[in-house]
Amino acid sequence: MNEAEAWAALRQVIDPELGLDVVELGLIYGLAVSPERIAVTMTLTTPGCPLHEVITGGVERALTRPGGPPVEVEVVFDPPWDPDRIGSTGLADLGAPGTHG
């Protein structure tokens, strides 16, 4: 899996509460793809997010391939997530003022 394929796979991981993918939500802080491992640094919308395991498990499943490198998901809260990280498409999907969706 190359980096472009990894980003595409991450776009398939949907936050069940907001209905947007983790990339559009701005939850992915870093992605490194190598033959040895796929490392993801990400955050959640809140430190006590009840969907922590659902979302991080979805990220791991999306990037895991038979015979592929192990996937490591690190959740951080520094910097804290902020709604300003949501992409313009996501804002429009959420019906934010000043957007067209």
N, C-alpha and C. Protein backbone atom coordinates (compact mmCIF):
# COMPACT_ATOMS: atom_id res chain seq x y z
N MET A 1 0.85 -1.18 0.00
CA MET A 1 0.00 0.00 0.00
C MET A 1 0.89 1.24 0.00
N ASN A 2 0.59 2.16 -0.90
CA ASN A 2 1.33 3.41 -0.91
C ASN A 2 0.54 4.48 -0.14
N GLU A 3 1.12 5.66 -0.02
CA GLU A 3 0.49 6.70 0.78
C GLU A 3 -0.86 7.15 0.20
N ALA A 4 -0.95 7.27 -1.12
CA ALA A 4 -2.22 7.69 -1.73
C ALA A 4 -3.31 6.65 -1.46
N GLU A 5 -2.96 5.37 -1.54
CA GLU A 5 -3.94 4.31 -1.24
C GLU A 5 -4.35 4.35 0.22
N ALA A 6 -3.40 4.65 1.10
CA ALA A 6 -3.71 4.74 2.52
C ALA A 6 -4.67 5.89 2.81
N TRP A 7 -4.43 7.04 2.21
CA TRP A 7 -5.35 8.18 2.40
C TRP A 7 -6.75 7.83 1.87
N ALA A 8 -6.80 7.16 0.72
CA ALA A 8 -8.10 6.76 0.16
C ALA A 8 -8.81 5.79 1.10
N ALA A 9 -8.06 4.86 1.69
CA ALA A 9 -8.65 3.91 2.64
C ALA A 9 -9.17 4.63 3.88
N LEU A 10 -8.43 5.62 4.35
CA LEU A 10 -8.87 6.37 5.54
C LEU A 10 -10.16 7.15 5.27
N ARG A 11 -10.36 7.55 4.02
CA ARG A 11 -11.60 8.27 3.68
C ARG A 11 -12.83 7.37 3.76
N GLN A 12 -12.61 6.07 3.91
CA GLN A 12 -13.73 5.13 4.05
C GLN A 12 -14.13 4.93 5.51
N VAL A 13 -13.36 5.51 6.44
CA VAL A 13 -13.65 5.37 7.86
C VAL A 13 -14.53 6.55 8.28
N ILE A 14 -15.76 6.23 8.62
CA ILE A 14 -16.77 7.26 8.91
C ILE A 14 -16.99 7.39 10.41
N ASP A 15 -17.01 8.62 10.90
CA ASP A 15 -17.39 8.89 12.28
C ASP A 15 -18.90 8.69 12.36
N PRO A 16 -19.37 7.71 13.12
CA PRO A 16 -20.81 7.40 13.14
C PRO A 16 -21.69 8.54 13.66
N GLU A 17 -21.15 9.38 14.51
CA GLU A 17 -21.96 10.48 15.05
C GLU A 17 -22.15 11.60 14.04
N LEU A 18 -21.08 11.94 13.33
CA LEU A 18 -21.13 13.08 12.42
C LEU A 18 -21.36 12.68 10.97
N GLY A 19 -21.12 11.41 10.63
CA GLY A 19 -21.35 10.95 9.27
C GLY A 19 -20.31 11.42 8.27
N LEU A 20 -19.17 11.89 8.76
CA LEU A 20 -18.08 12.33 7.88
C LEU A 20 -16.89 11.41 8.08
N ASP A 21 -16.04 11.32 7.05
CA ASP A 21 -14.86 10.47 7.19
C ASP A 21 -13.80 11.16 8.04
N VAL A 22 -12.89 10.35 8.58
CA VAL A 22 -11.89 10.85 9.52
C VAL A 22 -10.92 11.84 8.87
N VAL A 23 -10.71 11.75 7.57
CA VAL A 23 -9.84 12.70 6.87
C VAL A 23 -10.55 14.04 6.76
N GLU A 24 -11.78 14.03 6.30
CA GLU A 24 -12.54 15.28 6.14
C GLU A 24 -12.75 15.98 7.48
N LEU A 25 -12.90 15.19 8.54
CA LEU A 25 -13.06 15.76 9.88
C LEU A 25 -11.76 16.37 10.42
N GLY A 26 -10.65 16.06 9.79
CA GLY A 26 -9.37 16.57 10.27
C GLY A 26 -8.85 15.80 11.47
N LEU A 27 -9.26 14.55 11.61
CA LEU A 27 -8.81 13.74 12.75
C LEU A 27 -7.43 13.13 12.53
N ILE A 28 -6.98 13.07 11.27
CA ILE A 28 -5.69 12.46 10.97
C ILE A 28 -4.62 13.54 11.00
N TYR A 29 -3.70 13.41 11.95
CA TYR A 29 -2.61 14.38 12.09
C TYR A 29 -1.36 13.96 11.33
N GLY A 30 -1.19 12.66 11.14
CA GLY A 30 -0.01 12.19 10.43
C GLY A 30 -0.20 10.78 9.90
N LEU A 31 0.46 10.49 8.78
CA LEU A 31 0.41 9.17 8.15
C LEU A 31 1.77 8.89 7.56
N ALA A 32 2.34 7.74 7.92
CA ALA A 32 3.63 7.32 7.37
C ALA A 32 3.49 5.88 6.89
N VAL A 33 3.76 5.66 5.62
CA VAL A 33 3.65 4.33 5.02
C VAL A 33 5.04 3.86 4.60
N SER A 34 5.42 2.70 5.09
CA SER A 34 6.70 2.10 4.70
C SER A 34 6.50 0.59 4.61
N PRO A 35 7.45 -0.12 4.04
CA PRO A 35 7.32 -1.58 3.99
C PRO A 35 7.29 -2.21 5.39
N GLU A 36 7.84 -1.52 6.38
CA GLU A 36 7.90 -2.06 7.74
C GLU A 36 6.64 -1.82 8.56
N ARG A 37 5.95 -0.70 8.30
CA ARG A 37 4.75 -0.37 9.08
C ARG A 37 3.98 0.77 8.45
N ILE A 38 2.73 0.85 8.86
CA ILE A 38 1.89 2.00 8.53
C ILE A 38 1.57 2.65 9.87
N ALA A 39 1.99 3.88 10.04
CA ALA A 39 1.80 4.58 11.30
C ALA A 39 0.84 5.75 11.10
N VAL A 40 -0.17 5.79 11.96
CA VAL A 40 -1.16 6.87 11.91
C VAL A 40 -1.14 7.59 13.25
N THR A 41 -1.04 8.90 13.19
CA THR A 41 -1.23 9.73 14.36
C THR A 41 -2.54 10.46 14.15
N MET A 42 -3.43 10.29 15.11
CA MET A 42 -4.76 10.87 14.93
C MET A 42 -5.29 11.38 16.27
N THR A 43 -6.39 12.06 16.20
CA THR A 43 -7.07 12.52 17.39
C THR A 43 -8.54 12.15 17.29
N LEU A 44 -9.28 12.49 18.29
CA LEU A 44 -10.73 12.33 18.30
C LEU A 44 -11.33 13.68 18.65
N THR A 45 -12.63 13.83 18.43
CA THR A 45 -13.24 15.13 18.67
C THR A 45 -13.20 15.53 20.14
N THR A 46 -13.21 14.55 21.05
CA THR A 46 -13.09 14.83 22.48
C THR A 46 -12.26 13.71 23.13
N PRO A 47 -11.53 14.02 24.20
CA PRO A 47 -10.75 12.98 24.87
C PRO A 47 -11.60 11.81 25.38
N GLY A 48 -12.82 12.06 25.79
CA GLY A 48 -13.66 10.99 26.31
C GLY A 48 -14.61 10.42 25.27
N CYS A 49 -14.26 10.53 24.00
CA CYS A 49 -15.14 10.10 22.92
C CYS A 49 -15.60 8.66 23.14
N PRO A 50 -16.92 8.43 23.23
CA PRO A 50 -17.41 7.07 23.44
C PRO A 50 -17.18 6.15 22.26
N LEU A 51 -16.83 6.70 21.11
CA LEU A 51 -16.60 5.89 19.91
C LEU A 51 -15.12 5.68 19.63
N HIS A 52 -14.29 5.90 20.64
CA HIS A 52 -12.83 5.76 20.50
C HIS A 52 -12.46 4.45 19.81
N GLU A 53 -12.92 3.34 20.36
CA GLU A 53 -12.55 2.02 19.82
C GLU A 53 -13.14 1.79 18.43
N VAL A 54 -14.33 2.28 18.19
CA VAL A 54 -14.97 2.11 16.88
C VAL A 54 -14.16 2.83 15.80
N ILE A 55 -13.78 4.07 16.08
CA ILE A 55 -13.07 4.87 15.09
C ILE A 55 -11.64 4.38 14.90
N THR A 56 -10.91 4.16 15.99
CA THR A 56 -9.53 3.70 15.84
C THR A 56 -9.48 2.30 15.25
N GLY A 57 -10.42 1.45 15.61
CA GLY A 57 -10.49 0.12 15.02
C GLY A 57 -10.79 0.20 13.53
N GLY A 58 -11.65 1.13 13.15
CA GLY A 58 -11.95 1.33 11.73
C GLY A 58 -10.72 1.77 10.95
N VAL A 59 -9.92 2.65 11.55
CA VAL A 59 -8.68 3.09 10.91
C VAL A 59 -7.74 1.90 10.72
N GLU A 60 -7.58 1.11 11.76
CA GLU A 60 -6.69 -0.05 11.67
C GLU A 60 -7.17 -1.04 10.62
N ARG A 61 -8.46 -1.34 10.60
CA ARG A 61 -9.01 -2.28 9.61
C ARG A 61 -8.87 -1.74 8.19
N ALA A 62 -9.07 -0.44 8.01
CA ALA A 62 -8.99 0.15 6.67
C ALA A 62 -7.59 0.03 6.08
N LEU A 63 -6.58 0.04 6.93
CA LEU A 63 -5.20 0.03 6.44
C LEU A 63 -4.53 -1.33 6.47
N THR A 64 -5.15 -2.30 7.09
CA THR A 64 -4.56 -3.63 7.21
C THR A 64 -4.81 -4.44 5.95
N ARG A 65 -3.73 -5.01 5.43
CA ARG A 65 -3.82 -5.86 4.24
C ARG A 65 -3.15 -7.20 4.56
N PRO A 66 -3.69 -8.30 4.03
CA PRO A 66 -3.03 -9.60 4.24
C PRO A 66 -1.59 -9.54 3.74
N GLY A 67 -0.67 -9.93 4.57
CA GLY A 67 0.74 -9.90 4.20
C GLY A 67 1.37 -8.53 4.24
N GLY A 68 0.57 -7.52 4.55
CA GLY A 68 1.09 -6.16 4.60
C GLY A 68 1.74 -5.84 5.93
N PRO A 69 2.30 -4.66 6.02
CA PRO A 69 2.97 -4.27 7.26
C PRO A 69 1.96 -4.05 8.39
N PRO A 70 2.40 -4.14 9.63
CA PRO A 70 1.50 -3.87 10.75
C PRO A 70 1.06 -2.40 10.75
N VAL A 71 -0.11 -2.17 11.28
CA VAL A 71 -0.67 -0.82 11.38
C VAL A 71 -0.61 -0.39 12.84
N GLU A 72 -0.04 0.79 13.06
CA GLU A 72 0.06 1.36 14.40
C GLU A 72 -0.75 2.65 14.43
N VAL A 73 -1.72 2.72 15.32
CA VAL A 73 -2.57 3.90 15.45
C VAL A 73 -2.28 4.54 16.81
N GLU A 74 -1.81 5.77 16.78
CA GLU A 74 -1.55 6.52 18.01
C GLU A 74 -2.57 7.65 18.10
N VAL A 75 -3.29 7.70 19.21
CA VAL A 75 -4.27 8.76 19.45
C VAL A 75 -3.63 9.79 20.36
N VAL A 76 -3.65 11.05 19.92
CA VAL A 76 -3.09 12.16 20.69
C VAL A 76 -4.16 13.24 20.85
N PHE A 77 -3.99 14.07 21.85
CA PHE A 77 -4.91 15.18 22.06
C PHE A 77 -4.18 16.51 22.12
N ASP A 78 -2.95 16.52 21.62
CA ASP A 78 -2.18 17.74 21.55
C ASP A 78 -1.60 17.83 20.16
N PRO A 79 -2.07 18.71 19.31
CA PRO A 79 -3.06 19.73 19.64
C PRO A 79 -4.47 19.16 19.71
N PRO A 80 -5.33 19.78 20.50
CA PRO A 80 -6.70 19.29 20.57
C PRO A 80 -7.43 19.53 19.24
N TRP A 81 -8.36 18.63 18.94
CA TRP A 81 -9.16 18.79 17.73
C TRP A 81 -10.03 20.03 17.87
N ASP A 82 -10.28 20.68 16.75
CA ASP A 82 -11.09 21.89 16.71
C ASP A 82 -11.95 21.81 15.44
N PRO A 83 -13.19 22.27 15.49
CA PRO A 83 -14.03 22.22 14.28
C PRO A 83 -13.43 22.93 13.07
N ASP A 84 -12.48 23.82 13.30
CA ASP A 84 -11.81 24.49 12.17
C ASP A 84 -11.03 23.50 11.31
N ARG A 85 -10.78 22.30 11.81
CA ARG A 85 -10.06 21.28 11.05
C ARG A 85 -10.94 20.59 10.02
N ILE A 86 -12.24 20.76 10.10
CA ILE A 86 -13.15 20.12 9.15
C ILE A 86 -12.96 20.76 7.78
N GLY A 87 -12.85 19.92 6.75
CA GLY A 87 -12.69 20.42 5.39
C GLY A 87 -13.96 21.10 4.88
N SER A 88 -13.82 21.83 3.79
CA SER A 88 -14.96 22.59 3.25
C SER A 88 -16.10 21.68 2.82
N THR A 89 -15.79 20.51 2.28
CA THR A 89 -16.85 19.57 1.89
C THR A 89 -17.61 19.10 3.12
N GLY A 90 -16.87 18.79 4.18
CA GLY A 90 -17.50 18.35 5.43
C GLY A 90 -18.37 19.44 6.03
N LEU A 91 -17.89 20.67 5.99
CA LEU A 91 -18.69 21.77 6.52
C LEU A 91 -20.00 21.91 5.74
N ALA A 92 -19.90 21.80 4.42
CA ALA A 92 -21.10 21.88 3.59
C ALA A 92 -22.04 20.73 3.91
N ASP A 93 -21.50 19.54 4.08
CA ASP A 93 -22.32 18.36 4.40
C ASP A 93 -23.04 18.54 5.74
N LEU A 94 -22.37 19.23 6.65
CA LEU A 94 -22.97 19.47 7.97
C LEU A 94 -23.92 20.67 7.97
N GLY A 95 -23.99 21.39 6.85
CA GLY A 95 -24.89 22.54 6.74
C GLY A 95 -24.38 23.77 7.45
N ALA A 96 -23.05 23.92 7.51
CA ALA A 96 -22.47 25.08 8.18
C ALA A 96 -22.84 26.35 7.42
N PRO A 97 -23.06 27.45 8.15
CA PRO A 97 -23.39 28.73 7.50
C PRO A 97 -22.29 29.14 6.53
N GLY A 98 -22.70 29.68 5.41
CA GLY A 98 -21.75 30.15 4.40
C GLY A 98 -21.22 29.07 3.48
N THR A 99 -21.75 27.85 3.62
CA THR A 99 -21.32 26.77 2.73
C THR A 99 -22.51 26.33 1.89
N HIS A 100 -22.22 25.64 0.85
CA HIS A 100 -23.29 25.14 -0.02
C HIS A 100 -23.13 23.63 -0.10
N GLY A 101 -24.16 22.89 0.38
CA GLY A 101 -24.05 21.45 0.37
C GLY A 101 -25.23 20.77 -0.20
